[in-house]
Amino acid sequence: MGTVNELLSDEALAARMRAEAKVIQEDPGRVKGADLLERLATTKEPVTT
C-alpha cells in the first residue's frame, strides 16, 4: 500500500500525467484508436472502421 500512497502524493508525477493526458486527448488519431478499442472491448466484435 505504501507504493500506491507514494504515487498518489507525487505532485510532479500528477502534473506530468495531466500534461500527457492533454496531448493524448488532443490527438484525433489517438482518440479514434481509443474509441475503436473501447468498441471492441464492449461489443467483442471485430471493428473494421
Protein backbone atom coordinates (compact mmCIF):
# COMPACT_ATOMS: atom_id res chain seq x y z
CA MET A 1 0.00 0.00 0.00
CA GLY A 2 2.98 2.31 0.52
CA THR A 3 3.75 2.45 -3.19
CA VAL A 4 0.18 3.45 -4.04
CA ASN A 5 0.28 6.22 -1.45
CA GLU A 6 3.61 7.43 -2.85
CA LEU A 7 2.17 7.60 -6.36
CA LEU A 8 -0.97 9.38 -5.19
CA SER A 9 1.03 12.01 -3.31
CA ASP A 10 3.59 12.64 -6.08
CA GLU A 11 2.59 16.08 -7.38
CA ALA A 12 5.30 16.14 -10.05
CA LEU A 13 4.06 12.83 -11.43
CA ALA A 14 0.46 14.06 -11.37
CA ALA A 15 1.45 17.18 -13.31
CA ARG A 16 3.32 15.12 -15.94
CA MET A 17 0.37 12.74 -16.28
CA ARG A 18 -2.06 15.65 -16.73
CA ALA A 19 0.18 17.13 -19.44
CA GLU A 20 0.47 13.77 -21.22
CA ALA A 21 -3.30 13.19 -20.96
CA LYS A 22 -3.91 16.56 -22.62
CA VAL A 23 -1.58 15.69 -25.51
CA ILE A 24 -3.24 12.31 -25.99
CA GLN A 25 -6.75 13.78 -25.83
CA GLU A 26 -5.89 16.43 -28.42
CA ASP A 27 -4.60 13.92 -30.99
CA PRO A 28 -7.57 12.81 -33.13
CA GLY A 29 -5.79 9.65 -34.28
CA ARG A 30 -5.24 8.51 -30.73
CA VAL A 31 -8.81 9.38 -29.79
CA LYS A 32 -10.13 7.36 -32.72
CA GLY A 33 -7.87 4.44 -31.76
CA ALA A 34 -9.09 4.57 -28.17
CA ASP A 35 -12.70 4.70 -29.36
CA LEU A 36 -12.15 1.65 -31.58
CA LEU A 37 -10.53 -0.28 -28.74
CA GLU A 38 -13.40 0.64 -26.43
CA ARG A 39 -15.93 -0.52 -29.02
CA LEU A 40 -14.08 -3.81 -29.44
CA ALA A 41 -13.96 -4.34 -25.68
CA THR A 42 -17.65 -3.51 -25.31
CA THR A 43 -19.09 -5.44 -28.25
CA LYS A 44 -16.46 -8.20 -28.54
CA GLU A 45 -16.98 -8.00 -32.31
CA PRO A 46 -14.42 -7.14 -35.00
CA VAL A 47 -14.07 -3.44 -35.69
CA THR A 48 -13.31 -2.61 -39.31
CA THR A 49 -13.69 1.19 -39.29
